[in-house]
N, C-alpha and C. Protein backbone atom coordinates (compact mmCIF):
# COMPACT_ATOMS: atom_id res chain seq x y z
N UNK A 1 0.84 -1.20 0.00
CA UNK A 1 0.00 0.00 0.00
C UNK A 1 0.87 1.25 0.00
N UNK A 2 0.23 2.37 -0.17
CA UNK A 2 0.95 3.65 -0.22
C UNK A 2 1.67 3.92 1.10
N UNK A 3 0.98 3.61 2.21
CA UNK A 3 1.58 3.86 3.53
C UNK A 3 2.81 2.98 3.72
N UNK A 4 2.70 1.71 3.32
CA UNK A 4 3.85 0.80 3.45
C UNK A 4 5.03 1.33 2.66
N UNK A 5 4.75 1.83 1.46
CA UNK A 5 5.82 2.38 0.62
C UNK A 5 6.49 3.56 1.32
N UNK A 6 5.67 4.45 1.87
CA UNK A 6 6.20 5.63 2.55
C UNK A 6 7.05 5.22 3.75
N UNK A 7 6.58 4.21 4.49
CA UNK A 7 7.31 3.75 5.68
C UNK A 7 8.65 3.14 5.28
N UNK A 8 8.63 2.25 4.29
CA UNK A 8 9.87 1.59 3.89
C UNK A 8 10.83 2.62 3.30
N UNK A 9 10.30 3.63 2.62
CA UNK A 9 11.15 4.67 2.06
C UNK A 9 11.80 5.46 3.20
N UNK A 10 11.00 5.75 4.24
CA UNK A 10 11.52 6.48 5.38
C UNK A 10 12.63 5.70 6.07
N UNK A 11 12.43 4.38 6.21
CA UNK A 11 13.44 3.52 6.83
C UNK A 11 14.71 3.52 5.98
N UNK A 12 14.52 3.42 4.66
CA UNK A 12 15.67 3.39 3.75
C UNK A 12 16.46 4.68 3.87
N UNK A 13 15.73 5.81 3.92
CA UNK A 13 16.40 7.10 4.03
C UNK A 13 17.16 7.20 5.35
N UNK A 14 16.57 6.64 6.39
CA UNK A 14 17.23 6.69 7.70
C UNK A 14 18.53 5.89 7.66
N UNK A 15 18.46 4.70 7.04
CA UNK A 15 19.67 3.87 6.93
C UNK A 15 20.73 4.59 6.11
N UNK A 16 20.31 5.22 5.03
CA UNK A 16 21.24 5.94 4.18
C UNK A 16 21.88 7.09 4.96
N UNK A 17 21.06 7.79 5.73
CA UNK A 17 21.57 8.91 6.52
C UNK A 17 22.58 8.40 7.55
N UNK A 18 22.28 7.26 8.17
CA UNK A 18 23.20 6.69 9.16
C UNK A 18 24.53 6.34 8.50
N UNK A 19 24.46 5.78 7.28
CA UNK A 19 25.68 5.42 6.56
C UNK A 19 26.49 6.67 6.24
N UNK A 20 25.82 7.71 5.77
CA UNK A 20 26.52 8.96 5.44
C UNK A 20 27.18 9.53 6.69
N UNK A 21 26.46 9.45 7.82
CA UNK A 21 26.98 10.00 9.06
C UNK A 21 28.23 9.24 9.50
N UNK A 22 28.19 7.91 9.41
CA UNK A 22 29.34 7.13 9.85
C UNK A 22 30.52 7.37 8.91
N UNK A 23 30.22 7.59 7.63
CA UNK A 23 31.28 7.90 6.67
C UNK A 23 31.94 9.22 7.07
N UNK A 24 31.09 10.19 7.43
CA UNK A 24 31.59 11.50 7.83
C UNK A 24 32.42 11.38 9.11
N UNK A 25 31.93 10.56 10.05
CA UNK A 25 32.64 10.38 11.31
C UNK A 25 34.03 9.79 11.07
N UNK A 26 34.10 8.83 10.15
CA UNK A 26 35.39 8.21 9.84
C UNK A 26 36.34 9.26 9.27
N UNK A 27 35.79 10.12 8.41
CA UNK A 27 36.61 11.15 7.79
C UNK A 27 37.13 12.13 8.83
N UNK A 28 36.24 12.51 9.76
CA UNK A 28 36.61 13.47 10.79
C UNK A 28 37.49 12.83 11.85
N UNK A 29 37.16 11.58 12.20
CA UNK A 29 37.87 10.89 13.27
C UNK A 29 39.24 10.44 12.84
């Protein structure tokens, strides 16, 4: 359903954001 799509998209974006953040942390650290 549309809601399921929105939820899974939100989860995917969160995972992507977490990956970007850890990449940034590695660069800074």
